Amino acid sequence: MTVALMWEARAVEGRGEDLLAWARAQELGVPPLRRETFRAPQDRVLVITWWDAEFDAVLPELPEPGGELVTRAVHRWRFETVG
């Protein structure tokens, strides 16, 4: 089964590039099958990682960035592939 973990954060105004650089520099310890990083208006950063694992498996995730970088807690979602 493939599980996708989504991590989304909104940077403090004007700090989008800093948050993007921070997210791209984070190591997960174990490499996922795939990892993509996106940005969007309002200084949002999204990271999606794909894993060959069961839905409830313990998987490495990006941590919370420092409060000086974000306007709110990180949003996290977990999805599984469907046939």
PDB file of N, CA and C in Angstrom:
ATOM      1  N   MET A   1       0.843  -1.163   0.000  1.00  0.00           N
ATOM      2  CA  MET A   1       0.000   0.000   0.000  1.00  0.00           C
ATOM      3  C   MET A   1       0.898   1.238   0.000  1.00  0.00           C
ATOM      4  N   THR A   2       0.444   2.275  -0.653  1.00  0.00           N
ATOM      5  CA  THR A   2       1.170   3.546  -0.631  1.00  0.00           C
ATOM      6  C   THR A   2       0.409   4.542   0.232  1.00  0.00           C
ATOM      7  N   VAL A   3       1.129   5.161   1.141  1.00  0.00           N
ATOM      8  CA  VAL A   3       0.579   6.180   2.025  1.00  0.00           C
ATOM      9  C   VAL A   3       1.254   7.501   1.684  1.00  0.00           C
ATOM     10  N   ALA A   4       0.453   8.553   1.589  1.00  0.00           N
ATOM     11  CA  ALA A   4       0.993   9.896   1.347  1.00  0.00           C
ATOM     12  C   ALA A   4       0.771  10.736   2.596  1.00  0.00           C
ATOM     13  N   LEU A   5       1.836  11.377   3.047  1.00  0.00           N
ATOM     14  CA  LEU A   5       1.735  12.310   4.166  1.00  0.00           C
ATOM     15  C   LEU A   5       1.828  13.723   3.616  1.00  0.00           C
ATOM     16  N   MET A   6       0.891  14.556   4.034  1.00  0.00           N
ATOM     17  CA  MET A   6       0.902  15.958   3.614  1.00  0.00           C
ATOM     18  C   MET A   6       1.189  16.830   4.827  1.00  0.00           C
ATOM     19  N   TRP A   7       2.045  17.808   4.611  1.00  0.00           N
ATOM     20  CA  TRP A   7       2.463  18.759   5.651  1.00  0.00           C
ATOM     21  C   TRP A   7       2.296  20.142   5.038  1.00  0.00           C
ATOM     22  N   GLU A   8       1.493  21.017   5.674  1.00  0.00           N
ATOM     23  CA  GLU A   8       1.248  22.347   5.108  1.00  0.00           C
ATOM     24  C   GLU A   8       1.378  23.396   6.193  1.00  0.00           C
ATOM     25  N   ALA A   9       2.104  24.459   5.870  1.00  0.00           N
ATOM     26  CA  ALA A   9       2.309  25.542   6.825  1.00  0.00           C
ATOM     27  C   ALA A   9       2.158  26.885   6.122  1.00  0.00           C
ATOM     28  N   ARG A  10       1.797  27.885   6.885  1.00  0.00           N
ATOM     29  CA  ARG A  10       1.694  29.253   6.369  1.00  0.00           C
ATOM     30  C   ARG A  10       2.707  30.116   7.108  1.00  0.00           C
ATOM     31  N   ALA A  11       3.566  30.741   6.334  1.00  0.00           N
ATOM     32  CA  ALA A  11       4.638  31.546   6.912  1.00  0.00           C
ATOM     33  C   ALA A  11       4.122  32.892   7.400  1.00  0.00           C
ATOM     34  N   VAL A  12       4.856  33.459   8.316  1.00  0.00           N
ATOM     35  CA  VAL A  12       4.636  34.844   8.708  1.00  0.00           C
ATOM     36  C   VAL A  12       4.813  35.684   7.445  1.00  0.00           C
ATOM     37  N   GLU A  13       4.023  36.701   7.292  1.00  0.00           N
ATOM     38  CA  GLU A  13       4.068  37.526   6.084  1.00  0.00           C
ATOM     39  C   GLU A  13       5.502  37.933   5.746  1.00  0.00           C
ATOM     40  N   GLY A  14       5.876  37.687   4.490  1.00  0.00           N
ATOM     41  CA  GLY A  14       7.211  38.033   4.029  1.00  0.00           C
ATOM     42  C   GLY A  14       8.274  36.983   4.310  1.00  0.00           C
ATOM     43  N   ARG A  15       7.913  35.902   4.986  1.00  0.00           N
ATOM     44  CA  ARG A  15       8.891  34.864   5.342  1.00  0.00           C
ATOM     45  C   ARG A  15       8.685  33.571   4.563  1.00  0.00           C
ATOM     46  N   GLY A  16       7.938  33.637   3.468  1.00  0.00           N
ATOM     47  CA  GLY A  16       7.653  32.444   2.677  1.00  0.00           C
ATOM     48  C   GLY A  16       8.900  31.757   2.161  1.00  0.00           C
ATOM     49  N   GLU A  17       9.854  32.528   1.666  1.00  0.00           N
ATOM     50  CA  GLU A  17      11.094  31.928   1.149  1.00  0.00           C
ATOM     51  C   GLU A  17      11.892  31.276   2.272  1.00  0.00           C
ATOM     52  N   ASP A  18      11.866  31.883   3.463  1.00  0.00           N
ATOM     53  CA  ASP A  18      12.558  31.290   4.615  1.00  0.00           C
ATOM     54  C   ASP A  18      11.916  29.967   5.011  1.00  0.00           C
ATOM     55  N   LEU A  19      10.587  29.931   5.030  1.00  0.00           N
ATOM     56  CA  LEU A  19       9.887  28.694   5.374  1.00  0.00           C
ATOM     57  C   LEU A  19      10.140  27.629   4.315  1.00  0.00           C
ATOM     58  N   LEU A  20      10.127  28.019   3.060  1.00  0.00           N
ATOM     59  CA  LEU A  20      10.405  27.074   1.976  1.00  0.00           C
ATOM     60  C   LEU A  20      11.806  26.480   2.132  1.00  0.00           C
ATOM     61  N   ALA A  21      12.785  27.318   2.384  1.00  0.00           N
ATOM     62  CA  ALA A  21      14.159  26.839   2.570  1.00  0.00           C
ATOM     63  C   ALA A  21      14.253  25.924   3.788  1.00  0.00           C
ATOM     64  N   TRP A  22      13.563  26.284   4.863  1.00  0.00           N
ATOM     65  CA  TRP A  22      13.569  25.464   6.075  1.00  0.00           C
ATOM     66  C   TRP A  22      12.996  24.082   5.779  1.00  0.00           C
ATOM     67  N   ALA A  23      11.844  24.032   5.110  1.00  0.00           N
ATOM     68  CA  ALA A  23      11.186  22.753   4.816  1.00  0.00           C
ATOM     69  C   ALA A  23      12.058  21.884   3.907  1.00  0.00           C
ATOM     70  N   ARG A  24      12.680  22.493   2.914  1.00  0.00           N
ATOM     71  CA  ARG A  24      13.510  21.726   1.977  1.00  0.00           C
ATOM     72  C   ARG A  24      14.760  21.173   2.654  1.00  0.00           C
ATOM     73  N   ALA A  25      15.220  21.800   3.710  1.00  0.00           N
ATOM     74  CA  ALA A  25      16.436  21.368   4.409  1.00  0.00           C
ATOM     75  C   ALA A  25      16.181  20.269   5.436  1.00  0.00           C
ATOM     76  N   GLN A  26      14.921  19.971   5.740  1.00  0.00           N
ATOM     77  CA  GLN A  26      14.614  18.986   6.776  1.00  0.00           C
ATOM     78  C   GLN A  26      14.870  17.561   6.284  1.00  0.00           C
ATOM     79  N   GLU A  27      15.647  16.837   7.043  1.00  0.00           N
ATOM     80  CA  GLU A  27      15.926  15.424   6.762  1.00  0.00           C
ATOM     81  C   GLU A  27      14.878  14.579   7.479  1.00  0.00           C
ATOM     82  N   LEU A  28      14.481  13.479   6.877  1.00  0.00           N
ATOM     83  CA  LEU A  28      13.486  12.598   7.488  1.00  0.00           C
ATOM     84  C   LEU A  28      14.104  11.379   8.168  1.00  0.00           C
ATOM     85  N   GLY A  29      15.385  11.165   7.984  1.00  0.00           N
ATOM     86  CA  GLY A  29      16.042  10.008   8.591  1.00  0.00           C
ATOM     87  C   GLY A  29      15.959   8.777   7.704  1.00  0.00           C
ATOM     88  N   VAL A  30      14.809   8.524   7.140  1.00  0.00           N
ATOM     89  CA  VAL A  30      14.586   7.430   6.197  1.00  0.00           C
ATOM     90  C   VAL A  30      14.011   8.070   4.937  1.00  0.00           C
ATOM     91  N   PRO A  31      14.575   7.784   3.777  1.00  0.00           N
ATOM     92  CA  PRO A  31      14.051   8.426   2.574  1.00  0.00           C
ATOM     93  C   PRO A  31      12.696   7.840   2.155  1.00  0.00           C
ATOM     94  N   PRO A  32      11.743   8.703   1.793  1.00  0.00           N
ATOM     95  CA  PRO A  32      10.454   8.220   1.290  1.00  0.00           C
ATOM     96  C   PRO A  32      10.611   7.728  -0.157  1.00  0.00           C
ATOM     97  N   LEU A  33       9.571   7.099  -0.668  1.00  0.00           N
ATOM     98  CA  LEU A  33       9.568   6.715  -2.078  1.00  0.00           C
ATOM     99  C   LEU A  33       9.669   7.953  -2.969  1.00  0.00           C
ATOM    100  N   ARG A  34       9.038   9.018  -2.514  1.00  0.00           N
ATOM    101  CA  ARG A  34       8.981  10.259  -3.285  1.00  0.00           C
ATOM    102  C   ARG A  34       8.703  11.404  -2.316  1.00  0.00           C
ATOM    103  N   ARG A  35       9.220  12.574  -2.642  1.00  0.00           N
ATOM    104  CA  ARG A  35       8.989  13.771  -1.827  1.00  0.00           C
ATOM    105  C   ARG A  35       8.896  14.961  -2.768  1.00  0.00           C
ATOM    106  N   GLU A  36       7.837  15.749  -2.616  1.00  0.00           N
ATOM    107  CA  GLU A  36       7.672  16.956  -3.417  1.00  0.00           C
ATOM    108  C   GLU A  36       7.343  18.125  -2.506  1.00  0.00           C
ATOM    109  N   THR A  37       7.854  19.279  -2.881  1.00  0.00           N
ATOM    110  CA  THR A  37       7.631  20.504  -2.117  1.00  0.00           C
ATOM    111  C   THR A  37       6.980  21.526  -3.041  1.00  0.00           C
ATOM    112  N   PHE A  38       5.945  22.198  -2.528  1.00  0.00           N
ATOM    113  CA  PHE A  38       5.186  23.181  -3.293  1.00  0.00           C
ATOM    114  C   PHE A  38       5.089  24.482  -2.515  1.00  0.00           C
ATOM    115  N   ARG A  39       4.828  25.559  -3.242  1.00  0.00           N
ATOM    116  CA  ARG A  39       4.514  26.826  -2.576  1.00  0.00           C
ATOM    117  C   ARG A  39       3.264  27.405  -3.228  1.00  0.00           C
ATOM    118  N   ALA A  40       2.598  28.290  -2.497  1.00  0.00           N
ATOM    119  CA  ALA A  40       1.347  28.882  -2.965  1.00  0.00           C
ATOM    120  C   ALA A  40       1.253  30.310  -2.439  1.00  0.00           C
ATOM    121  N   PRO A  41       0.290  31.074  -2.965  1.00  0.00           N
ATOM    122  CA  PRO A  41       0.087  32.432  -2.438  1.00  0.00           C
ATOM    123  C   PRO A  41      -0.115  32.415  -0.921  1.00  0.00           C
ATOM    124  N   GLN A  42       0.050  33.555  -0.337  1.00  0.00           N
ATOM    125  CA  GLN A  42      -0.055  33.758   1.115  1.00  0.00           C
ATOM    126  C   GLN A  42       1.055  33.027   1.864  1.00  0.00           C
ATOM    127  N   ASP A  43       2.218  32.876   1.202  1.00  0.00           N
ATOM    128  CA  ASP A  43       3.400  32.290   1.835  1.00  0.00           C
ATOM    129  C   ASP A  43       3.136  30.904   2.415  1.00  0.00           C
ATOM    130  N   ARG A  44       2.408  30.076   1.669  1.00  0.00           N
ATOM    131  CA  ARG A  44       2.126  28.706   2.092  1.00  0.00           C
ATOM    132  C   ARG A  44       3.154  27.755   1.490  1.00  0.00           C
ATOM    133  N   VAL A  45       3.503  26.728   2.263  1.00  0.00           N
ATOM    134  CA  VAL A  45       4.427  25.682   1.815  1.00  0.00           C
ATOM    135  C   VAL A  45       3.756  24.343   2.082  1.00  0.00           C
ATOM    136  N   LEU A  46       3.828  23.463   1.087  1.00  0.00           N
ATOM    137  CA  LEU A  46       3.241  22.133   1.186  1.00  0.00           C
ATOM    138  C   LEU A  46       4.318  21.104   0.843  1.00  0.00           C
ATOM    139  N   VAL A  47       4.431  20.073   1.672  1.00  0.00           N
ATOM    140  CA  VAL A  47       5.353  18.969   1.403  1.00  0.00           C
ATOM    141  C   VAL A  47       4.531  17.685   1.431  1.00  0.00           C
ATOM    142  N   ILE A  48       4.672  16.887   0.364  1.00  0.00           N
ATOM    143  CA  ILE A  48       4.008  15.585   0.295  1.00  0.00           C
ATOM    144  C   ILE A  48       5.088  14.520   0.186  1.00  0.00           C
ATOM    145  N   THR A  49       4.987  13.511   1.035  1.00  0.00           N
ATOM    146  CA  THR A  49       5.903  12.372   0.964  1.00  0.00           C
ATOM    147  C   THR A  49       5.080  11.113   0.745  1.00  0.00           C
ATOM    148  N   TRP A  50       5.642  10.185  -0.036  1.00  0.00           N
ATOM    149  CA  TRP A  50       4.984   8.916  -0.334  1.00  0.00           C
ATOM    150  C   TRP A  50       5.797   7.796   0.291  1.00  0.00           C
ATOM    151  N   TRP A  51       5.092   6.823   0.882  1.00  0.00           N
ATOM    152  CA  TRP A  51       5.731   5.727   1.596  1.00  0.00           C
ATOM    153  C   TRP A  51       5.094   4.396   1.225  1.00  0.00           C
ATOM    154  N   ASP A  52       5.876   3.350   1.151  1.00  0.00           N
ATOM    155  CA  ASP A  52       5.370   1.996   1.000  1.00  0.00           C
ATOM    156  C   ASP A  52       5.149   1.475   2.416  1.00  0.00           C
ATOM    157  N   ALA A  53       3.914   1.643   2.910  1.00  0.00           N
ATOM    158  CA  ALA A  53       3.631   1.303   4.307  1.00  0.00           C
ATOM    159  C   ALA A  53       2.129   1.152   4.500  1.00  0.00           C
ATOM    160  N   GLU A  54       1.763   0.571   5.620  1.00  0.00           N
ATOM    161  CA  GLU A  54       0.355   0.492   6.004  1.00  0.00           C
ATOM    162  C   GLU A  54      -0.112   1.878   6.449  1.00  0.00           C
ATOM    163  N   PHE A  55      -1.411   2.114   6.381  1.00  0.00           N
ATOM    164  CA  PHE A  55      -1.957   3.437   6.685  1.00  0.00           C
ATOM    165  C   PHE A  55      -1.563   3.932   8.073  1.00  0.00           C
ATOM    166  N   ASP A  56      -1.566   3.051   9.050  1.00  0.00           N
ATOM    167  CA  ASP A  56      -1.293   3.474  10.429  1.00  0.00           C
ATOM    168  C   ASP A  56       0.166   3.278  10.853  1.00  0.00           C
ATOM    169  N   ALA A  57       1.048   3.035   9.884  1.00  0.00           N
ATOM    170  CA  ALA A  57       2.466   2.843  10.202  1.00  0.00           C
ATOM    171  C   ALA A  57       3.066   4.110  10.812  1.00  0.00           C
ATOM    172  N   VAL A  58       4.031   3.907  11.678  1.00  0.00           N
ATOM    173  CA  VAL A  58       4.783   5.033  12.228  1.00  0.00           C
ATOM    174  C   VAL A  58       5.793   5.461  11.167  1.00  0.00           C
ATOM    175  N   LEU A  59       5.665   6.699  10.687  1.00  0.00           N
ATOM    176  CA  LEU A  59       6.520   7.207   9.613  1.00  0.00           C
ATOM    177  C   LEU A  59       7.142   8.526  10.032  1.00  0.00           C
ATOM    178  N   PRO A  60       8.329   8.825   9.553  1.00  0.00           N
ATOM    179  CA  PRO A  60       8.943  10.115   9.885  1.00  0.00           C
ATOM    180  C   PRO A  60       8.183  11.250   9.203  1.00  0.00           C
ATOM    181  N   GLU A  61       8.005  12.323   9.936  1.00  0.00           N
ATOM    182  CA  GLU A  61       7.304  13.494   9.418  1.00  0.00           C
ATOM    183  C   GLU A  61       8.131  14.747   9.671  1.00  0.00           C
ATOM    184  N   LEU A  62       7.877  15.750   8.881  1.00  0.00           N
ATOM    185  CA  LEU A  62       8.540  17.034   9.128  1.00  0.00           C
ATOM    186  C   LEU A  62       8.067  17.592  10.464  1.00  0.00           C
ATOM    187  N   PRO A  63       8.961  18.225  11.205  1.00  0.00           N
ATOM    188  CA  PRO A  63       8.573  18.793  12.498  1.00  0.00           C
ATOM    189  C   PRO A  63       7.847  20.128  12.329  1.00  0.00           C
ATOM    190  N   GLU A  64       7.457  20.691  13.438  1.00  0.00           N
ATOM    191  CA  GLU A  64       6.904  22.049  13.458  1.00  0.00           C
ATOM    192  C   GLU A  64       8.069  23.021  13.316  1.00  0.00           C
ATOM    193  N   PRO A  65       7.949  24.005  12.435  1.00  0.00           N
ATOM    194  CA  PRO A  65       8.997  25.024  12.372  1.00  0.00           C
ATOM    195  C   PRO A  65       8.880  25.967  13.567  1.00  0.00           C
ATOM    196  N   GLY A  66       9.912  26.748  13.794  1.00  0.00           N
ATOM    197  CA  GLY A  66       9.880  27.710  14.887  1.00  0.00           C
ATOM    198  C   GLY A  66       8.763  28.721  14.714  1.00  0.00           C
ATOM    199  N   GLY A  67       8.231  29.192  15.818  1.00  0.00           N
ATOM    200  CA  GLY A  67       7.126  30.145  15.807  1.00  0.00           C
ATOM    201  C   GLY A  67       7.419  31.439  15.073  1.00  0.00           C
ATOM    202  N   GLU A  68       8.700  31.760  14.902  1.00  0.00           N
ATOM    203  CA  GLU A  68       9.054  32.985  14.185  1.00  0.00           C
ATOM    204  C   GLU A  68       8.833  32.842  12.683  1.00  0.00           C
ATOM    205  N   LEU A  69       8.624  31.617  12.211  1.00  0.00           N
ATOM    206  CA  LEU A  69       8.429  31.368  10.774  1.00  0.00           C
ATOM    207  C   LEU A  69       6.974  31.208  10.371  1.00  0.00           C
ATOM    208  N   VAL A  70       6.107  30.753  11.272  1.00  0.00           N
ATOM    209  CA  VAL A  70       4.741  30.402  10.893  1.00  0.00           C
ATOM    210  C   VAL A  70       3.690  31.194  11.666  1.00  0.00           C
ATOM    211  N   THR A  71       2.513  31.297  11.046  1.00  0.00           N
ATOM    212  CA  THR A  71       1.412  32.037  11.658  1.00  0.00           C
ATOM    213  C   THR A  71       0.480  31.150  12.469  1.00  0.00           C
ATOM    214  N   ARG A  72       0.616  29.833  12.295  1.00  0.00           N
ATOM    215  CA  ARG A  72      -0.264  28.882  12.984  1.00  0.00           C
ATOM    216  C   ARG A  72       0.418  27.519  13.005  1.00  0.00           C
ATOM    217  N   ALA A  73      -0.199  26.598  13.712  1.00  0.00           N
ATOM    218  CA  ALA A  73       0.338  25.225  13.744  1.00  0.00           C
ATOM    219  C   ALA A  73       0.272  24.610  12.345  1.00  0.00           C
ATOM    220  N   VAL A  74       1.176  23.717  12.071  1.00  0.00           N
ATOM    221  CA  VAL A  74       1.222  22.994  10.803  1.00  0.00           C
ATOM    222  C   VAL A  74      -0.021  22.122  10.674  1.00  0.00           C
ATOM    223  N   HIS A  75      -0.560  22.039   9.463  1.00  0.00           N
ATOM    224  CA  HIS A  75      -1.655  21.111   9.172  1.00  0.00           C
ATOM    225  C   HIS A  75      -1.043  19.845   8.595  1.00  0.00           C
ATOM    226  N   ARG A  76      -1.534  18.702   9.046  1.00  0.00           N
ATOM    227  CA  ARG A  76      -1.019  17.407   8.597  1.00  0.00           C
ATOM    228  C   ARG A  76      -2.199  16.507   8.214  1.00  0.00           C
ATOM    229  N   TRP A  77      -2.020  15.788   7.098  1.00  0.00           N
ATOM    230  CA  TRP A  77      -3.021  14.818   6.667  1.00  0.00           C
ATOM    231  C   TRP A  77      -2.319  13.560   6.194  1.00  0.00           C
ATOM    232  N   ARG A  78      -3.005  12.456   6.277  1.00  0.00           N
ATOM    233  CA  ARG A  78      -2.487  11.160   5.819  1.00  0.00           C
ATOM    234  C   ARG A  78      -3.528  10.577   4.867  1.00  0.00           C
ATOM    235  N   PHE A  79      -3.069  10.099   3.712  1.00  0.00           N
ATOM    236  CA  PHE A  79      -3.942   9.522   2.707  1.00  0.00           C
ATOM    237  C   PHE A  79      -3.388   8.169   2.265  1.00  0.00           C
ATOM    238  N   GLU A  80      -4.270   7.306   1.795  1.00  0.00           N
ATOM    239  CA  GLU A  80      -3.846   6.039   1.202  1.00  0.00           C
ATOM    240  C   GLU A  80      -4.335   5.987  -0.239  1.00  0.00           C
ATOM    241  N   THR A  81      -3.611   5.271  -1.080  1.00  0.00           N
ATOM    242  CA  THR A  81      -4.025   5.137  -2.463  1.00  0.00           C
ATOM    243  C   THR A  81      -5.259   4.244  -2.560  1.00  0.00           C
ATOM    244  N   VAL A  82      -6.046   4.506  -3.565  1.00  0.00           N
ATOM    245  CA  VAL A  82      -7.217   3.668  -3.828  1.00  0.00           C
ATOM    246  C   VAL A  82      -7.136   3.189  -5.269  1.00  0.00           C
ATOM    247  N   GLY A  83      -7.601   1.958  -5.489  1.00  0.00           N
ATOM    248  CA  GLY A  83      -7.486   1.286  -6.766  1.00  0.00           C
ATOM    249  C   GLY A  83      -8.036   2.020  -7.916  1.00  0.00           C
TER     250      GLY A  83
END
